[in-house]
Amino acid sequence: MAIYEKQKMGKEWYKQRKVSYIWSLVLSCILFLQSFTNRGYTGNVVQLDFKLMIIMTFVFLTMLNISLMIHNRKVDRSVSELDMKGYTWKSNIIAVAIGIVFAFVMIFFTIFYIMSGI
């Protein structure tokens, strides 16, 4: 699959890989720093609600699969490397925008869920 994408995308494949590594590094640093900020805290702030976690996991996995389907369709339908020019930049901008909207929706859904006591 990676070889196929590399042939179809050309230079954009390398850009996409670099951006992927950078996002992984940023996320790793955030999680690492978060582990140190909660180091001496022993109180239990949040109790797990498995119904809410299952709903969030389902929505997250659905969004992930949809994004992968869109990516695969874009790569499959491209005829030359020129079709993929700027793809990494555009896809990252769209992903950040959708991520922000998704975060607000999930925050409001969680607040509504907690307040309604479902």
PDB file of N, CA and C in Angstrom:
ATOM      1  N   MET A   1       0.820  -1.185   0.000  1.00  0.00           N
ATOM      2  CA  MET A   1       0.000   0.000   0.000  1.00  0.00           C
ATOM      3  C   MET A   1       0.866   1.252   0.000  1.00  0.00           C
ATOM      4  N   ALA A   2       1.903   1.251   0.813  1.00  0.00           N
ATOM      5  CA  ALA A   2       2.778   2.419   0.890  1.00  0.00           C
ATOM      6  C   ALA A   2       3.506   2.645  -0.437  1.00  0.00           C
ATOM      7  N   ILE A   3       3.918   1.562  -1.086  1.00  0.00           N
ATOM      8  CA  ILE A   3       4.599   1.686  -2.377  1.00  0.00           C
ATOM      9  C   ILE A   3       3.646   2.265  -3.413  1.00  0.00           C
ATOM     10  N   TYR A   4       2.407   1.812  -3.405  1.00  0.00           N
ATOM     11  CA  TYR A   4       1.390   2.320  -4.332  1.00  0.00           C
ATOM     12  C   TYR A   4       1.160   3.810  -4.111  1.00  0.00           C
ATOM     13  N   GLU A   5       0.990   4.218  -2.856  1.00  0.00           N
ATOM     14  CA  GLU A   5       0.790   5.627  -2.545  1.00  0.00           C
ATOM     15  C   GLU A   5       2.011   6.449  -2.925  1.00  0.00           C
ATOM     16  N   LYS A   6       3.185   5.915  -2.684  1.00  0.00           N
ATOM     17  CA  LYS A   6       4.424   6.626  -3.019  1.00  0.00           C
ATOM     18  C   LYS A   6       4.515   6.875  -4.519  1.00  0.00           C
ATOM     19  N   GLN A   7       4.126   5.893  -5.317  1.00  0.00           N
ATOM     20  CA  GLN A   7       4.153   6.056  -6.770  1.00  0.00           C
ATOM     21  C   GLN A   7       3.118   7.075  -7.230  1.00  0.00           C
ATOM     22  N   LYS A   8       1.937   7.054  -6.634  1.00  0.00           N
ATOM     23  CA  LYS A   8       0.863   7.957  -7.044  1.00  0.00           C
ATOM     24  C   LYS A   8       1.093   9.398  -6.573  1.00  0.00           C
ATOM     25  N   MET A   9       1.609   9.546  -5.356  1.00  0.00           N
ATOM     26  CA  MET A   9       1.696  10.869  -4.746  1.00  0.00           C
ATOM     27  C   MET A   9       3.011  11.588  -5.037  1.00  0.00           C
ATOM     28  N   GLY A  10       4.072  10.871  -5.270  1.00  0.00           N
ATOM     29  CA  GLY A  10       5.361  11.507  -5.545  1.00  0.00           C
ATOM     30  C   GLY A  10       5.904  12.236  -4.331  1.00  0.00           C
ATOM     31  N   LYS A  11       6.251  13.516  -4.514  1.00  0.00           N
ATOM     32  CA  LYS A  11       6.846  14.310  -3.431  1.00  0.00           C
ATOM     33  C   LYS A  11       5.878  14.529  -2.264  1.00  0.00           C
ATOM     34  N   GLU A  12       4.605  14.568  -2.565  1.00  0.00           N
ATOM     35  CA  GLU A  12       3.617  14.765  -1.508  1.00  0.00           C
ATOM     36  C   GLU A  12       3.633  13.622  -0.501  1.00  0.00           C
ATOM     37  N   TRP A  13       4.023  12.434  -0.928  1.00  0.00           N
ATOM     38  CA  TRP A  13       4.106  11.293  -0.018  1.00  0.00           C
ATOM     39  C   TRP A  13       5.147  11.565   1.052  1.00  0.00           C
ATOM     40  N   TYR A  14       6.305  12.106   0.635  1.00  0.00           N
ATOM     41  CA  TYR A  14       7.357  12.427   1.601  1.00  0.00           C
ATOM     42  C   TYR A  14       6.910  13.543   2.548  1.00  0.00           C
ATOM     43  N   LYS A  15       6.218  14.536   2.004  1.00  0.00           N
ATOM     44  CA  LYS A  15       5.709  15.614   2.853  1.00  0.00           C
ATOM     45  C   LYS A  15       4.712  15.078   3.868  1.00  0.00           C
ATOM     46  N   GLN A  16       3.851  14.201   3.408  1.00  0.00           N
ATOM     47  CA  GLN A  16       2.842  13.638   4.306  1.00  0.00           C
ATOM     48  C   GLN A  16       3.500  12.818   5.413  1.00  0.00           C
ATOM     49  N   ARG A  17       4.519  12.077   5.077  1.00  0.00           N
ATOM     50  CA  ARG A  17       5.239  11.297   6.098  1.00  0.00           C
ATOM     51  C   ARG A  17       5.901  12.211   7.125  1.00  0.00           C
ATOM     52  N   LYS A  18       6.540  13.302   6.651  1.00  0.00           N
ATOM     53  CA  LYS A  18       7.178  14.239   7.573  1.00  0.00           C
ATOM     54  C   LYS A  18       6.161  14.854   8.523  1.00  0.00           C
ATOM     55  N   VAL A  19       5.043  15.295   7.971  1.00  0.00           N
ATOM     56  CA  VAL A  19       3.997  15.905   8.797  1.00  0.00           C
ATOM     57  C   VAL A  19       3.459  14.893   9.805  1.00  0.00           C
ATOM     58  N   SER A  20       3.314  13.656   9.384  1.00  0.00           N
ATOM     59  CA  SER A  20       2.844  12.606  10.280  1.00  0.00           C
ATOM     60  C   SER A  20       3.818  12.407  11.442  1.00  0.00           C
ATOM     61  N   TYR A  21       5.096  12.418  11.151  1.00  0.00           N
ATOM     62  CA  TYR A  21       6.102  12.271  12.209  1.00  0.00           C
ATOM     63  C   TYR A  21       6.071  13.466  13.160  1.00  0.00           C
ATOM     64  N   ILE A  22       5.898  14.654  12.613  1.00  0.00           N
ATOM     65  CA  ILE A  22       5.843  15.855  13.454  1.00  0.00           C
ATOM     66  C   ILE A  22       4.624  15.813  14.370  1.00  0.00           C
ATOM     67  N   TRP A  23       3.441  15.451  13.827  1.00  0.00           N
ATOM     68  CA  TRP A  23       2.237  15.353  14.651  1.00  0.00           C
ATOM     69  C   TRP A  23       2.405  14.296  15.739  1.00  0.00           C
ATOM     70  N   SER A  24       3.044  13.183  15.413  1.00  0.00           N
ATOM     71  CA  SER A  24       3.282  12.140  16.417  1.00  0.00           C
ATOM     72  C   SER A  24       4.194  12.648  17.527  1.00  0.00           C
ATOM     73  N   LEU A  25       5.223  13.403  17.163  1.00  0.00           N
ATOM     74  CA  LEU A  25       6.136  13.962  18.153  1.00  0.00           C
ATOM     75  C   LEU A  25       5.424  14.966  19.052  1.00  0.00           C
ATOM     76  N   VAL A  26       4.621  15.841  18.464  1.00  0.00           N
ATOM     77  CA  VAL A  26       3.884  16.838  19.240  1.00  0.00           C
ATOM     78  C   VAL A  26       2.922  16.156  20.212  1.00  0.00           C
ATOM     79  N   LEU A  27       2.171  15.186  19.721  1.00  0.00           N
ATOM     80  CA  LEU A  27       1.230  14.473  20.581  1.00  0.00           C
ATOM     81  C   LEU A  27       1.964  13.721  21.699  1.00  0.00           C
ATOM     82  N   SER A  28       3.092  13.114  21.383  1.00  0.00           N
ATOM     83  CA  SER A  28       3.874  12.412  22.401  1.00  0.00           C
ATOM     84  C   SER A  28       4.363  13.374  23.475  1.00  0.00           C
ATOM     85  N   CYS A  29       4.829  14.551  23.073  1.00  0.00           N
ATOM     86  CA  CYS A  29       5.296  15.542  24.043  1.00  0.00           C
ATOM     87  C   CYS A  29       4.151  16.020  24.939  1.00  0.00           C
ATOM     88  N   ILE A  30       2.988  16.255  24.333  1.00  0.00           N
ATOM     89  CA  ILE A  30       1.835  16.695  25.128  1.00  0.00           C
ATOM     90  C   ILE A  30       1.455  15.636  26.157  1.00  0.00           C
ATOM     91  N   LEU A  31       1.383  14.377  25.730  1.00  0.00           N
ATOM     92  CA  LEU A  31       1.025  13.309  26.663  1.00  0.00           C
ATOM     93  C   LEU A  31       2.095  13.107  27.728  1.00  0.00           C
ATOM     94  N   PHE A  32       3.361  13.252  27.350  1.00  0.00           N
ATOM     95  CA  PHE A  32       4.453  13.125  28.308  1.00  0.00           C
ATOM     96  C   PHE A  32       4.376  14.230  29.360  1.00  0.00           C
ATOM     97  N   LEU A  33       4.155  15.468  28.917  1.00  0.00           N
ATOM     98  CA  LEU A  33       4.037  16.580  29.863  1.00  0.00           C
ATOM     99  C   LEU A  33       2.802  16.439  30.738  1.00  0.00           C
ATOM    100  N   GLN A  34       1.727  15.915  30.175  1.00  0.00           N
ATOM    101  CA  GLN A  34       0.514  15.721  30.961  1.00  0.00           C
ATOM    102  C   GLN A  34       0.741  14.686  32.061  1.00  0.00           C
ATOM    103  N   SER A  35       1.544  13.676  31.787  1.00  0.00           N
ATOM    104  CA  SER A  35       1.805  12.663  32.809  1.00  0.00           C
ATOM    105  C   SER A  35       2.564  13.254  33.991  1.00  0.00           C
ATOM    106  N   PHE A  36       3.390  14.270  33.750  1.00  0.00           N
ATOM    107  CA  PHE A  36       4.118  14.890  34.846  1.00  0.00           C
ATOM    108  C   PHE A  36       3.280  15.908  35.604  1.00  0.00           C
ATOM    109  N   THR A  37       2.308  16.518  34.958  1.00  0.00           N
ATOM    110  CA  THR A  37       1.491  17.502  35.666  1.00  0.00           C
ATOM    111  C   THR A  37       0.554  16.835  36.664  1.00  0.00           C
ATOM    112  N   ASN A  38       0.194  15.583  36.445  1.00  0.00           N
ATOM    113  CA  ASN A  38      -0.699  14.862  37.356  1.00  0.00           C
ATOM    114  C   ASN A  38       0.065  13.952  38.304  1.00  0.00           C
ATOM    115  N   ARG A  39       1.342  14.167  38.470  1.00  0.00           N
ATOM    116  CA  ARG A  39       2.215  13.226  39.165  1.00  0.00           C
ATOM    117  C   ARG A  39       1.845  12.984  40.634  1.00  0.00           C
ATOM    118  N   GLY A  40       1.706  13.991  41.417  1.00  0.00           N
ATOM    119  CA  GLY A  40       1.464  13.781  42.841  1.00  0.00           C
ATOM    120  C   GLY A  40      -0.003  13.791  43.216  1.00  0.00           C
ATOM    121  N   TYR A  41      -0.870  13.900  42.254  1.00  0.00           N
ATOM    122  CA  TYR A  41      -2.295  14.020  42.535  1.00  0.00           C
ATOM    123  C   TYR A  41      -2.912  12.644  42.740  1.00  0.00           C
ATOM    124  N   THR A  42      -3.614  12.467  43.849  1.00  0.00           N
ATOM    125  CA  THR A  42      -4.209  11.161  44.143  1.00  0.00           C
ATOM    126  C   THR A  42      -5.730  11.192  44.132  1.00  0.00           C
ATOM    127  N   GLY A  43      -6.339  12.372  43.993  1.00  0.00           N
ATOM    128  CA  GLY A  43      -7.802  12.474  44.003  1.00  0.00           C
ATOM    129  C   GLY A  43      -8.409  11.909  42.727  1.00  0.00           C
ATOM    130  N   ASN A  44      -9.661  11.501  42.836  1.00  0.00           N
ATOM    131  CA  ASN A  44     -10.376  10.962  41.681  1.00  0.00           C
ATOM    132  C   ASN A  44     -11.349  12.023  41.187  1.00  0.00           C
ATOM    133  N   VAL A  45     -11.001  12.697  40.084  1.00  0.00           N
ATOM    134  CA  VAL A  45     -11.822  13.787  39.572  1.00  0.00           C
ATOM    135  C   VAL A  45     -12.945  13.249  38.699  1.00  0.00           C
ATOM    136  N   VAL A  46     -12.618  12.320  37.815  1.00  0.00           N
ATOM    137  CA  VAL A  46     -13.577  11.833  36.842  1.00  0.00           C
ATOM    138  C   VAL A  46     -13.805  10.342  37.059  1.00  0.00           C
ATOM    139  N   GLN A  47     -15.065   9.966  37.092  1.00  0.00           N
ATOM    140  CA  GLN A  47     -15.398   8.551  37.129  1.00  0.00           C
ATOM    141  C   GLN A  47     -15.745   8.117  35.716  1.00  0.00           C
ATOM    142  N   LEU A  48     -15.304   6.947  35.342  1.00  0.00           N
ATOM    143  CA  LEU A  48     -15.522   6.471  33.984  1.00  0.00           C
ATOM    144  C   LEU A  48     -16.977   6.085  33.762  1.00  0.00           C
ATOM    145  N   ASP A  49     -17.509   6.530  32.664  1.00  0.00           N
ATOM    146  CA  ASP A  49     -18.848   6.161  32.248  1.00  0.00           C
ATOM    147  C   ASP A  49     -18.700   5.396  30.937  1.00  0.00           C
ATOM    148  N   PHE A  50     -18.904   4.098  30.998  1.00  0.00           N
ATOM    149  CA  PHE A  50     -18.606   3.254  29.842  1.00  0.00           C
ATOM    150  C   PHE A  50     -19.539   3.520  28.663  1.00  0.00           C
ATOM    151  N   LYS A  51     -20.778   3.915  28.923  1.00  0.00           N
ATOM    152  CA  LYS A  51     -21.689   4.216  27.820  1.00  0.00           C
ATOM    153  C   LYS A  51     -21.188   5.427  27.031  1.00  0.00           C
ATOM    154  N   LEU A  52     -20.745   6.464  27.734  1.00  0.00           N
ATOM    155  CA  LEU A  52     -20.193   7.645  27.079  1.00  0.00           C
ATOM    156  C   LEU A  52     -18.901   7.302  26.334  1.00  0.00           C
ATOM    157  N   MET A  53     -18.059   6.485  26.940  1.00  0.00           N
ATOM    158  CA  MET A  53     -16.798   6.100  26.286  1.00  0.00           C
ATOM    159  C   MET A  53     -17.063   5.297  25.021  1.00  0.00           C
ATOM    160  N   ILE A  54     -18.047   4.421  25.037  1.00  0.00           N
ATOM    161  CA  ILE A  54     -18.368   3.620  23.852  1.00  0.00           C
ATOM    162  C   ILE A  54     -18.893   4.516  22.740  1.00  0.00           C
ATOM    163  N   ILE A  55     -19.737   5.483  23.078  1.00  0.00           N
ATOM    164  CA  ILE A  55     -20.261   6.410  22.075  1.00  0.00           C
ATOM    165  C   ILE A  55     -19.128   7.222  21.460  1.00  0.00           C
ATOM    166  N   MET A  56     -18.247   7.771  22.295  1.00  0.00           N
ATOM    167  CA  MET A  56     -17.129   8.568  21.792  1.00  0.00           C
ATOM    168  C   MET A  56     -16.179   7.725  20.940  1.00  0.00           C
ATOM    169  N   THR A  57     -15.909   6.509  21.367  1.00  0.00           N
ATOM    170  CA  THR A  57     -15.036   5.627  20.593  1.00  0.00           C
ATOM    171  C   THR A  57     -15.652   5.302  19.241  1.00  0.00           C
ATOM    172  N   PHE A  58     -16.945   5.025  19.217  1.00  0.00           N
ATOM    173  CA  PHE A  58     -17.625   4.733  17.961  1.00  0.00           C
ATOM    174  C   PHE A  58     -17.565   5.923  17.007  1.00  0.00           C
ATOM    175  N   VAL A  59     -17.845   7.119  17.516  1.00  0.00           N
ATOM    176  CA  VAL A  59     -17.802   8.318  16.671  1.00  0.00           C
ATOM    177  C   VAL A  59     -16.385   8.571  16.167  1.00  0.00           C
ATOM    178  N   PHE A  60     -15.409   8.429  17.046  1.00  0.00           N
ATOM    179  CA  PHE A  60     -14.014   8.645  16.652  1.00  0.00           C
ATOM    180  C   PHE A  60     -13.581   7.653  15.577  1.00  0.00           C
ATOM    181  N   LEU A  61     -13.876   6.383  15.763  1.00  0.00           N
ATOM    182  CA  LEU A  61     -13.492   5.374  14.770  1.00  0.00           C
ATOM    183  C   LEU A  61     -14.228   5.567  13.452  1.00  0.00           C
ATOM    184  N   THR A  62     -15.483   6.013  13.520  1.00  0.00           N
ATOM    185  CA  THR A  62     -16.225   6.295  12.294  1.00  0.00           C
ATOM    186  C   THR A  62     -15.574   7.441  11.526  1.00  0.00           C
ATOM    187  N   MET A  63     -15.206   8.503  12.229  1.00  0.00           N
ATOM    188  CA  MET A  63     -14.540   9.627  11.570  1.00  0.00           C
ATOM    189  C   MET A  63     -13.195   9.210  10.989  1.00  0.00           C
ATOM    190  N   LEU A  64     -12.460   8.388  11.702  1.00  0.00           N
ATOM    191  CA  LEU A  64     -11.167   7.911  11.216  1.00  0.00           C
ATOM    192  C   LEU A  64     -11.325   7.094   9.938  1.00  0.00           C
ATOM    193  N   ASN A  65     -12.294   6.208   9.908  1.00  0.00           N
ATOM    194  CA  ASN A  65     -12.521   5.394   8.710  1.00  0.00           C
ATOM    195  C   ASN A  65     -12.983   6.243   7.528  1.00  0.00           C
ATOM    196  N   ILE A  66     -13.828   7.224   7.778  1.00  0.00           N
ATOM    197  CA  ILE A  66     -14.277   8.101   6.700  1.00  0.00           C
ATOM    198  C   ILE A  66     -13.104   8.880   6.124  1.00  0.00           C
ATOM    199  N   SER A  67     -12.221   9.383   6.994  1.00  0.00           N
ATOM    200  CA  SER A  67     -11.061  10.129   6.492  1.00  0.00           C
ATOM    201  C   SER A  67     -10.127   9.239   5.685  1.00  0.00           C
ATOM    202  N   LEU A  68      -9.961   7.990   6.109  1.00  0.00           N
ATOM    203  CA  LEU A  68      -9.122   7.065   5.340  1.00  0.00           C
ATOM    204  C   LEU A  68      -9.749   6.723   3.995  1.00  0.00           C
ATOM    205  N   MET A  69     -11.067   6.590   3.955  1.00  0.00           N
ATOM    206  CA  MET A  69     -11.747   6.321   2.684  1.00  0.00           C
ATOM    207  C   MET A  69     -11.595   7.502   1.719  1.00  0.00           C
ATOM    208  N   ILE A  70     -11.718   8.718   2.238  1.00  0.00           N
ATOM    209  CA  ILE A  70     -11.546   9.904   1.402  1.00  0.00           C
ATOM    210  C   ILE A  70     -10.118   9.986   0.876  1.00  0.00           C
ATOM    211  N   HIS A  71      -9.146   9.707   1.745  1.00  0.00           N
ATOM    212  CA  HIS A  71      -7.743   9.724   1.322  1.00  0.00           C
ATOM    213  C   HIS A  71      -7.484   8.684   0.235  1.00  0.00           C
ATOM    214  N   ASN A  72      -7.972   7.466   0.444  1.00  0.00           N
ATOM    215  CA  ASN A  72      -7.750   6.410  -0.544  1.00  0.00           C
ATOM    216  C   ASN A  72      -8.418   6.734  -1.868  1.00  0.00           C
ATOM    217  N   ARG A  73      -9.602   7.314  -1.827  1.00  0.00           N
ATOM    218  CA  ARG A  73     -10.289   7.687  -3.064  1.00  0.00           C
ATOM    219  C   ARG A  73      -9.510   8.761  -3.815  1.00  0.00           C
ATOM    220  N   LYS A  74      -8.971   9.741  -3.066  1.00  0.00           N
ATOM    221  CA  LYS A  74      -8.183  10.810  -3.690  1.00  0.00           C
ATOM    222  C   LYS A  74      -6.935  10.238  -4.356  1.00  0.00           C
ATOM    223  N   VAL A  75      -6.256   9.334  -3.672  1.00  0.00           N
ATOM    224  CA  VAL A  75      -5.037   8.737  -4.234  1.00  0.00           C
ATOM    225  C   VAL A  75      -5.386   7.875  -5.439  1.00  0.00           C
ATOM    226  N   ASP A  76      -6.429   7.085  -5.353  1.00  0.00           N
ATOM    227  CA  ASP A  76      -6.805   6.207  -6.463  1.00  0.00           C
ATOM    228  C   ASP A  76      -7.233   6.986  -7.702  1.00  0.00           C
ATOM    229  N   ARG A  77      -7.904   8.097  -7.513  1.00  0.00           N
ATOM    230  CA  ARG A  77      -8.408   8.857  -8.651  1.00  0.00           C
ATOM    231  C   ARG A  77      -7.375   9.786  -9.270  1.00  0.00           C
ATOM    232  N   SER A  78      -6.239   9.965  -8.626  1.00  0.00           N
ATOM    233  CA  SER A  78      -5.217  10.838  -9.197  1.00  0.00           C
ATOM    234  C   SER A  78      -4.563  10.147 -10.384  1.00  0.00           C
ATOM    235  N   VAL A  79      -4.330  10.931 -11.427  1.00  0.00           N
ATOM    236  CA  VAL A  79      -3.739  10.399 -12.649  1.00  0.00           C
ATOM    237  C   VAL A  79      -2.238  10.634 -12.668  1.00  0.00           C
ATOM    238  N   SER A  80      -1.813  11.801 -12.165  1.00  0.00           N
ATOM    239  CA  SER A  80      -0.391  12.119 -12.143  1.00  0.00           C
ATOM    240  C   SER A  80      -0.044  12.759 -10.806  1.00  0.00           C
ATOM    241  N   GLU A  81       1.242  13.034 -10.630  1.00  0.00           N
ATOM    242  CA  GLU A  81       1.688  13.667  -9.393  1.00  0.00           C
ATOM    243  C   GLU A  81       1.166  15.094  -9.276  1.00  0.00           C
ATOM    244  N   LEU A  82       0.852  15.723 -10.399  1.00  0.00           N
ATOM    245  CA  LEU A  82       0.325  17.087 -10.366  1.00  0.00           C
ATOM    246  C   LEU A  82      -1.043  17.147  -9.703  1.00  0.00           C
ATOM    247  N   ASP A  83      -1.799  16.069  -9.786  1.00  0.00           N
ATOM    248  CA  ASP A  83      -3.104  16.019  -9.117  1.00  0.00           C
ATOM    249  C   ASP A  83      -2.960  16.092  -7.601  1.00  0.00           C
ATOM    250  N   MET A  84      -1.820  15.660  -7.087  1.00  0.00           N
ATOM    251  CA  MET A  84      -1.606  15.595  -5.646  1.00  0.00           C
ATOM    252  C   MET A  84      -0.856  16.810  -5.105  1.00  0.00           C
ATOM    253  N   LYS A  85      -0.527  17.764  -5.963  1.00  0.00           N
ATOM    254  CA  LYS A  85       0.245  18.923  -5.530  1.00  0.00           C
ATOM    255  C   LYS A  85      -0.539  19.723  -4.493  1.00  0.00           C
ATOM    256  N   GLY A  86       0.061  19.977  -3.351  1.00  0.00           N
ATOM    257  CA  GLY A  86      -0.583  20.714  -2.270  1.00  0.00           C
ATOM    258  C   GLY A  86      -1.551  19.894  -1.445  1.00  0.00           C
ATOM    259  N   TYR A  87      -1.616  18.598  -1.693  1.00  0.00           N
ATOM    260  CA  TYR A  87      -2.577  17.735  -0.994  1.00  0.00           C
ATOM    261  C   TYR A  87      -2.314  17.677   0.506  1.00  0.00           C
ATOM    262  N   THR A  88      -1.049  17.587   0.896  1.00  0.00           N
ATOM    263  CA  THR A  88      -0.709  17.484   2.318  1.00  0.00           C
ATOM    264  C   THR A  88      -1.156  18.730   3.067  1.00  0.00           C
ATOM    265  N   TRP A  89      -0.845  19.895   2.519  1.00  0.00           N
ATOM    266  CA  TRP A  89      -1.223  21.160   3.150  1.00  0.00           C
ATOM    267  C   TRP A  89      -2.741  21.275   3.277  1.00  0.00           C
ATOM    268  N   LYS A  90      -3.459  21.015   2.186  1.00  0.00           N
ATOM    269  CA  LYS A  90      -4.910  21.132   2.196  1.00  0.00           C
ATOM    270  C   LYS A  90      -5.550  20.134   3.160  1.00  0.00           C
ATOM    271  N   SER A  91      -5.061  18.903   3.142  1.00  0.00           N
ATOM    272  CA  SER A  91      -5.658  17.892   4.009  1.00  0.00           C
ATOM    273  C   SER A  91      -5.401  18.194   5.483  1.00  0.00           C
ATOM    274  N   ASN A  92      -4.249  18.756   5.809  1.00  0.00           N
ATOM    275  CA  ASN A  92      -3.976  19.097   7.207  1.00  0.00           C
ATOM    276  C   ASN A  92      -4.821  20.272   7.675  1.00  0.00           C
ATOM    277  N   ILE A  93      -5.025  21.257   6.814  1.00  0.00           N
ATOM    278  CA  ILE A  93      -5.888  22.390   7.174  1.00  0.00           C
ATOM    279  C   ILE A  93      -7.316  21.902   7.410  1.00  0.00           C
ATOM    280  N   ILE A  94      -7.803  21.060   6.517  1.00  0.00           N
ATOM    281  CA  ILE A  94      -9.155  20.517   6.669  1.00  0.00           C
ATOM    282  C   ILE A  94      -9.251  19.666   7.936  1.00  0.00           C
ATOM    283  N   ALA A  95      -8.230  18.863   8.217  1.00  0.00           N
ATOM    284  CA  ALA A  95      -8.240  18.007   9.408  1.00  0.00           C
ATOM    285  C   ALA A  95      -8.259  18.836  10.691  1.00  0.00           C
ATOM    286  N   VAL A  96      -7.494  19.913  10.732  1.00  0.00           N
ATOM    287  CA  VAL A  96      -7.482  20.772  11.924  1.00  0.00           C
ATOM    288  C   VAL A  96      -8.847  21.436  12.105  1.00  0.00           C
ATOM    289  N   ALA A  97      -9.429  21.923  11.020  1.00  0.00           N
ATOM    290  CA  ALA A  97     -10.751  22.565  11.109  1.00  0.00           C
ATOM    291  C   ALA A  97     -11.813  21.571  11.577  1.00  0.00           C
ATOM    292  N   ILE A  98     -11.825  20.387  11.003  1.00  0.00           N
ATOM    293  CA  ILE A  98     -12.790  19.361  11.410  1.00  0.00           C
ATOM    294  C   ILE A  98     -12.523  18.930  12.849  1.00  0.00           C
ATOM    295  N   GLY A  99     -11.259  18.848  13.239  1.00  0.00           N
ATOM    296  CA  GLY A  99     -10.912  18.485  14.614  1.00  0.00           C
ATOM    297  C   GLY A  99     -11.428  19.494  15.634  1.00  0.00           C
ATOM    298  N   ILE A 100     -11.323  20.780  15.292  1.00  0.00           N
ATOM    299  CA  ILE A 100     -11.818  21.818  16.197  1.00  0.00           C
ATOM    300  C   ILE A 100     -13.336  21.729  16.324  1.00  0.00           C
ATOM    301  N   VAL A 101     -14.013  21.581  15.203  1.00  0.00           N
ATOM    302  CA  VAL A 101     -15.475  21.444  15.232  1.00  0.00           C
ATOM    303  C   VAL A 101     -15.876  20.192  16.015  1.00  0.00           C
ATOM    304  N   PHE A 102     -15.192  19.077  15.755  1.00  0.00           N
ATOM    305  CA  PHE A 102     -15.476  17.824  16.456  1.00  0.00           C
ATOM    306  C   PHE A 102     -15.254  17.975  17.958  1.00  0.00           C
ATOM    307  N   ALA A 103     -14.191  18.682  18.350  1.00  0.00           N
ATOM    308  CA  ALA A 103     -13.919  18.883  19.777  1.00  0.00           C
ATOM    309  C   ALA A 103     -15.054  19.660  20.435  1.00  0.00           C
ATOM    310  N   PHE A 104     -15.530  20.730  19.782  1.00  0.00           N
ATOM    311  CA  PHE A 104     -16.643  21.492  20.354  1.00  0.00           C
ATOM    312  C   PHE A 104     -17.904  20.647  20.444  1.00  0.00           C
ATOM    313  N   VAL A 105     -18.183  19.885  19.410  1.00  0.00           N
ATOM    314  CA  VAL A 105     -19.372  19.035  19.426  1.00  0.00           C
ATOM    315  C   VAL A 105     -19.279  18.014  20.561  1.00  0.00           C
ATOM    316  N   MET A 106     -18.125  17.390  20.719  1.00  0.00           N
ATOM    317  CA  MET A 106     -17.962  16.383  21.778  1.00  0.00           C
ATOM    318  C   MET A 106     -18.014  17.017  23.171  1.00  0.00           C
ATOM    319  N   ILE A 107     -17.481  18.225  23.305  1.00  0.00           N
ATOM    320  CA  ILE A 107     -17.549  18.910  24.600  1.00  0.00           C
ATOM    321  C   ILE A 107     -19.005  19.222  24.955  1.00  0.00           C
ATOM    322  N   PHE A 108     -19.746  19.776  23.988  1.00  0.00           N
ATOM    323  CA  PHE A 108     -21.145  20.073  24.249  1.00  0.00           C
ATOM    324  C   PHE A 108     -21.960  18.804  24.485  1.00  0.00           C
ATOM    325  N   PHE A 109     -21.673  17.746  23.718  1.00  0.00           N
ATOM    326  CA  PHE A 109     -22.359  16.474  23.917  1.00  0.00           C
ATOM    327  C   PHE A 109     -22.075  15.926  25.315  1.00  0.00           C
ATOM    328  N   THR A 110     -20.831  16.006  25.756  1.00  0.00           N
ATOM    329  CA  THR A 110     -20.453  15.497  27.073  1.00  0.00           C
ATOM    330  C   THR A 110     -21.142  16.309  28.175  1.00  0.00           C
ATOM    331  N   ILE A 111     -21.151  17.631  28.033  1.00  0.00           N
ATOM    332  CA  ILE A 111     -21.819  18.465  29.029  1.00  0.00           C
ATOM    333  C   ILE A 111     -23.317  18.143  29.069  1.00  0.00           C
ATOM    334  N   PHE A 112     -23.937  18.024  27.890  1.00  0.00           N
ATOM    335  CA  PHE A 112     -25.352  17.675  27.841  1.00  0.00           C
ATOM    336  C   PHE A 112     -25.596  16.308  28.454  1.00  0.00           C
ATOM    337  N   TYR A 113     -24.721  15.354  28.180  1.00  0.00           N
ATOM    338  CA  TYR A 113     -24.846  13.998  28.701  1.00  0.00           C
ATOM    339  C   TYR A 113     -24.757  13.995  30.231  1.00  0.00           C
ATOM    340  N   ILE A 114     -23.809  14.739  30.757  1.00  0.00           N
ATOM    341  CA  ILE A 114     -23.615  14.798  32.207  1.00  0.00           C
ATOM    342  C   ILE A 114     -24.793  15.507  32.877  1.00  0.00           C
ATOM    343  N   MET A 115     -25.234  16.615  32.287  1.00  0.00           N
ATOM    344  CA  MET A 115     -26.322  17.392  32.893  1.00  0.00           C
ATOM    345  C   MET A 115     -27.667  16.646  32.819  1.00  0.00           C
ATOM    346  N   SER A 116     -27.893  15.888  31.749  1.00  0.00           N
ATOM    347  CA  SER A 116     -29.172  15.202  31.622  1.00  0.00           C
ATOM    348  C   SER A 116     -29.223  13.921  32.447  1.00  0.00           C
ATOM    349  N   GLY A 117     -28.060  13.378  32.801  1.00  0.00           N
ATOM    350  CA  GLY A 117     -28.024  12.171  33.617  1.00  0.00           C
ATOM    351  C   GLY A 117     -28.509  10.932  32.910  1.00  0.00           C
ATOM    352  N   ILE A 118     -28.264  10.865  31.624  1.00  0.00           N
ATOM    353  CA  ILE A 118     -28.746   9.717  30.838  1.00  0.00           C
ATOM    354  C   ILE A 118     -28.111   8.433  31.318  1.00  0.00           C
TER     355      ILE A 118
END
